[in-house]
Amino acid sequence: MPDLQKTGGLGEGQRIANLANLYYTPFAPHMVASFLGAMASAHVCASVPNFLILEWQSYFHTDPMFKDIIKYDGEWVKDSFITVSEKPGIGVEINEEGMKKYAIPGIPFFE
């Protein structure tokens, strides 16, 4: 259960999954990032033969912040599945206006 946001990148996560596959071990990554991280993880999962399941945070659906901080066309999850975007990149973009809305006062915002 590697945390793909902390393994050294998506390519490294893919290498971990492929190494696990050599030993017939399923790949079920840990995922506690935003929807941006979930989509990046979903792309890795779609690219390896031993994918089992991806952890999902239920608060993505109840906390409006998660919808405000990204731009994504389509449903996040449908029938318990994430649709991997066919757009360039991972299919999710950061919404800077939404990020500024939740920025902590007094802490510089990246620009």
Protein backbone atom coordinates (compact mmCIF):
# COMPACT_ATOMS: atom_id res chain seq x y z
CA MET A 1 0.00 0.00 0.00
CA PRO A 2 2.46 2.69 -1.10
CA ASP A 3 1.39 6.32 -0.75
CA LEU A 4 2.00 7.47 -4.33
CA GLN A 5 2.31 11.12 -3.30
CA LYS A 6 5.27 10.16 -1.10
CA THR A 7 7.03 7.38 -3.03
CA GLY A 8 9.18 9.63 -5.18
CA GLY A 9 6.71 10.30 -7.97
CA LEU A 10 4.21 8.48 -10.09
CA GLY A 11 6.90 6.65 -12.06
CA GLU A 12 8.37 5.31 -8.84
CA GLY A 13 4.90 4.19 -7.76
CA GLN A 14 4.59 2.36 -11.06
CA ARG A 15 7.94 0.64 -10.45
CA ILE A 16 6.78 -0.42 -6.97
CA ALA A 17 3.61 -1.92 -8.47
CA ASN A 18 5.58 -3.74 -11.15
CA LEU A 19 8.01 -5.13 -8.57
CA ALA A 20 5.06 -6.35 -6.49
CA ASN A 21 3.62 -7.95 -9.62
CA LEU A 22 6.78 -10.04 -10.00
CA TYR A 23 5.78 -11.71 -6.71
CA TYR A 24 2.04 -11.96 -7.59
CA THR A 25 1.21 -9.30 -5.00
CA PRO A 26 -1.80 -7.03 -5.63
CA PHE A 27 -1.29 -3.27 -5.76
CA ALA A 28 -3.65 -1.24 -3.53
CA PRO A 29 -2.20 2.25 -3.00
CA HIS A 30 -2.84 4.39 0.04
CA MET A 31 -4.42 7.72 -1.00
CA VAL A 32 -5.07 10.58 1.41
CA ALA A 33 -4.46 13.46 -1.00
CA SER A 34 -6.98 15.71 -2.74
CA PHE A 35 -8.90 14.75 -5.87
CA LEU A 36 -5.85 15.92 -7.82
CA GLY A 37 -3.82 13.24 -6.02
CA ALA A 38 -6.59 10.70 -6.50
CA MET A 39 -6.55 11.23 -10.27
CA ALA A 40 -2.77 10.95 -10.39
CA SER A 41 -3.03 7.72 -8.42
CA ALA A 42 -5.81 6.47 -10.71
CA HIS A 43 -3.56 6.94 -13.73
CA VAL A 44 -0.87 4.79 -12.11
CA CYS A 45 -3.45 2.17 -11.15
CA ALA A 46 -4.76 2.04 -14.72
CA SER A 47 -1.25 1.38 -16.01
CA VAL A 48 -0.27 -1.66 -13.92
CA PRO A 49 -1.52 -5.26 -14.25
CA ASN A 50 -1.86 -6.02 -10.53
CA PHE A 51 -4.13 -3.12 -9.46
CA LEU A 52 -6.64 -4.22 -6.82
CA ILE A 53 -8.31 -1.15 -5.26
CA LEU A 54 -7.62 2.56 -4.63
CA GLU A 55 -8.39 4.12 -1.28
CA TRP A 56 -10.99 6.92 -1.54
CA GLN A 57 -11.78 9.68 0.97
CA SER A 58 -15.52 10.08 1.56
CA TYR A 59 -15.10 13.74 2.58
CA PHE A 60 -14.39 14.60 -1.08
CA HIS A 61 -18.17 14.51 -1.54
CA THR A 62 -19.16 16.38 1.64
CA ASP A 63 -16.55 19.15 1.95
CA PRO A 64 -17.15 21.87 -0.69
CA MET A 65 -13.50 22.91 -0.51
CA PHE A 66 -12.48 19.87 -2.57
CA LYS A 67 -14.80 20.90 -5.43
CA ASP A 68 -13.61 24.53 -5.24
CA ILE A 69 -9.85 23.94 -5.41
CA ILE A 70 -9.78 21.99 -8.68
CA LYS A 71 -11.29 22.08 -12.16
CA TYR A 72 -12.56 18.76 -13.46
CA ASP A 73 -15.05 17.95 -16.19
CA GLY A 74 -17.27 15.04 -15.32
CA GLU A 75 -18.30 13.00 -12.31
CA TRP A 76 -15.67 12.23 -9.71
CA VAL A 77 -16.92 8.71 -9.05
CA LYS A 78 -19.67 6.80 -10.82
CA ASP A 79 -20.77 3.33 -9.72
CA SER A 80 -17.67 3.10 -7.50
CA PHE A 81 -15.31 3.78 -10.42
CA ILE A 82 -13.10 6.76 -11.27
CA THR A 83 -12.97 7.53 -14.98
CA VAL A 84 -9.42 8.28 -16.07
CA SER A 85 -9.39 11.37 -18.25
CA GLU A 86 -8.13 11.18 -21.81
CA LYS A 87 -6.98 14.82 -21.72
CA PRO A 88 -3.27 15.64 -21.56
CA GLY A 89 -1.82 15.34 -18.07
CA ILE A 90 -4.03 13.79 -15.42
CA GLY A 91 -7.20 15.63 -16.45
CA VAL A 92 -7.46 17.80 -13.33
CA GLU A 93 -6.35 21.42 -13.00
CA ILE A 94 -5.79 23.54 -9.91
CA ASN A 95 -8.31 26.38 -9.52
CA GLU A 96 -6.18 29.20 -8.11
CA GLU A 97 -9.21 31.30 -7.17
CA GLY A 98 -10.58 28.39 -5.16
CA MET A 99 -7.17 27.86 -3.53
CA LYS A 100 -7.00 31.56 -2.55
CA LYS A 101 -10.47 31.25 -1.01
CA TYR A 102 -9.13 28.67 1.46
CA ALA A 103 -5.64 30.11 1.92
CA ILE A 104 -4.58 30.86 5.49
CA PRO A 105 -4.45 34.63 6.14
CA GLY A 106 -0.91 35.93 6.58
CA ILE A 107 0.69 33.03 4.74
CA PRO A 108 1.96 33.94 1.25
CA PHE A 109 0.16 32.35 -1.67
CA PHE A 110 2.30 30.97 -4.50
CA GLU A 111 2.19 33.02 -7.70
